[in-house]
Protein backbone atom coordinates (compact mmCIF):
# COMPACT_ATOMS: atom_id res chain seq x y z
CA UNK A 1 -187.07 -157.88 63.44
CA UNK A 2 -185.32 -159.83 66.17
CA UNK A 3 -186.23 -163.37 67.15
CA UNK A 4 -184.86 -165.80 69.69
CA UNK A 5 -184.16 -169.49 69.29
CA UNK A 6 -182.34 -172.29 71.06
CA UNK A 7 -179.06 -173.03 69.34
CA UNK A 8 -179.96 -176.74 69.41
CA UNK A 9 -182.76 -176.14 66.88
CA UNK A 10 -181.86 -176.53 63.23
CA UNK A 11 -180.77 -173.34 61.47
CA UNK A 12 -183.21 -172.18 58.80
CA UNK A 13 -182.98 -169.47 56.17
CA UNK A 14 -185.57 -167.26 57.88
CA UNK A 15 -183.28 -166.95 60.92
CA UNK A 16 -181.44 -164.22 59.06
CA UNK A 17 -178.25 -163.10 60.80
CA UNK A 18 -177.62 -165.50 63.71
CA UNK A 19 -176.04 -164.13 66.90
CA UNK A 20 -175.01 -166.33 69.82
CA UNK A 21 -175.72 -164.26 72.94
CA UNK A 22 -174.30 -166.65 75.55
CA UNK A 23 -170.99 -166.10 77.33
CA UNK A 24 -170.10 -169.81 77.18
CA UNK A 25 -170.05 -172.00 74.08
CA UNK A 26 -173.07 -174.38 74.14
CA UNK A 27 -172.38 -177.97 75.13
CA UNK A 28 -172.43 -180.53 72.37
CA UNK A 29 -172.56 -178.03 69.51
CA UNK A 30 -169.83 -178.07 66.89
CA UNK A 31 -168.98 -174.67 65.46
CA UNK A 32 -169.73 -175.72 61.87
CA UNK A 33 -173.18 -177.05 62.88
CA UNK A 34 -174.04 -173.90 64.85
CA UNK A 35 -174.09 -171.71 61.75
CA UNK A 36 -173.60 -168.56 63.79
CA UNK A 37 -172.68 -165.31 62.10
CA UNK A 38 -171.50 -163.61 65.28
CA UNK A 39 -170.70 -164.71 68.82
CA UNK A 40 -171.43 -161.63 70.90
CA UNK A 41 -170.43 -163.01 74.30
CA UNK A 42 -169.82 -159.50 75.65
CA UNK A 43 -173.59 -158.85 75.59
CA UNK A 44 -174.25 -161.87 77.82
CA UNK A 45 -174.76 -161.52 81.57
CA UNK A 46 -171.60 -161.43 83.67
CA UNK A 47 -170.37 -164.71 85.09
CA UNK A 48 -171.36 -163.51 88.55
CA UNK A 49 -174.94 -162.72 87.47
CA UNK A 50 -175.23 -165.91 85.42
CA UNK A 51 -174.09 -168.07 88.33
CA UNK A 52 -176.32 -166.22 90.80
CA UNK A 53 -179.40 -166.78 88.60
CA UNK A 54 -178.47 -170.42 87.87
CA UNK A 55 -181.68 -170.73 85.78
CA UNK A 56 -183.88 -170.90 88.86
CA UNK A 57 -187.36 -169.53 88.25
CA UNK A 58 -187.56 -168.00 91.74
CA UNK A 59 -184.54 -165.81 90.88
CA UNK A 60 -185.92 -164.70 87.51
CA UNK A 61 -187.20 -161.24 88.50
CA UNK A 62 -183.94 -160.29 90.19
CA UNK A 63 -181.95 -161.59 87.21
CA UNK A 64 -184.10 -159.66 84.74
CA UNK A 65 -183.68 -156.38 86.64
CA UNK A 66 -179.92 -156.74 87.10
CA UNK A 67 -179.29 -157.85 83.52
CA UNK A 68 -181.25 -154.88 82.15
CA UNK A 69 -179.13 -152.61 84.36
CA UNK A 70 -176.03 -154.19 82.82
CA UNK A 71 -177.41 -153.75 79.31
CA UNK A 72 -177.89 -150.01 79.89
CA UNK A 73 -174.11 -149.81 80.30
CA UNK A 74 -173.43 -151.68 77.05
CA UNK A 75 -174.54 -148.90 74.70
CA UNK A 76 -171.89 -149.67 72.08
CA UNK A 77 -172.99 -153.30 71.81
CA UNK A 78 -176.67 -152.33 71.69
CA UNK A 79 -175.88 -149.92 68.85
CA UNK A 80 -174.00 -152.68 67.04
CA UNK A 81 -177.07 -154.92 67.25
CA UNK A 82 -179.30 -152.10 65.96
CA UNK A 83 -176.95 -151.56 63.00
CA UNK A 84 -176.98 -155.28 62.21
CA UNK A 85 -180.78 -155.29 62.33
CA UNK A 86 -180.91 -152.41 59.84
CA UNK A 87 -178.47 -154.20 57.55
CA UNK A 88 -179.91 -157.73 57.70
CA UNK A 89 -183.57 -156.97 58.61
CA UNK A 90 -183.87 -160.24 60.57
CA UNK A 91 -181.67 -161.21 63.49
CA UNK A 92 -181.96 -164.33 65.61
CA UNK A 93 -180.52 -164.35 69.10
CA UNK A 94 -179.31 -167.86 69.88
CA UNK A 95 -179.18 -169.22 73.42
CA UNK A 96 -178.52 -172.61 74.95
CA UNK A 97 -180.67 -172.58 78.12
CA UNK A 98 -183.30 -175.29 78.42
CA UNK A 99 -185.83 -172.83 79.82
CA UNK A 100 -187.21 -170.97 76.81
CA UNK A 101 -189.13 -168.41 78.92
CA UNK A 102 -186.48 -167.47 81.47
CA UNK A 103 -183.09 -166.86 79.87
CA UNK A 104 -180.81 -164.00 78.87
CA UNK A 105 -182.01 -163.94 75.24
CA UNK A 106 -185.57 -163.21 76.41
CA UNK A 107 -184.35 -160.25 78.47
CA UNK A 108 -182.11 -159.00 75.67
CA UNK A 109 -184.95 -159.18 73.14
CA UNK A 110 -187.27 -157.25 75.44
CA UNK A 111 -184.57 -154.69 76.10
CA UNK A 112 -183.98 -154.20 72.37
CA UNK A 113 -187.70 -153.79 71.71
CA UNK A 114 -188.02 -151.11 74.40
CA UNK A 115 -184.84 -149.10 73.78
């Protein structure tokens, strides 16, 4: 099972294995407070795509399509996530975006569920 959660929420035991899926370290979060098990910044959208999207709802559909295209080319990282899920049973993708409906973790979760 894979869940998503803002990194600013308190870590809890049911999070399981916690993976930060952002390219940049979240503002205001100290590494010891984050309680991340893995920072998988390579799975995050490219800087170019991230900047183009800029968390604007009107650019969401384009971002979602382009990020999924990128994910199809990251087979090794997708396999790594699948192996971690088998090993730990529960993974939580951590993200820092304020918008909980339109962010890279949402796209990554959907991609993992469908591939």
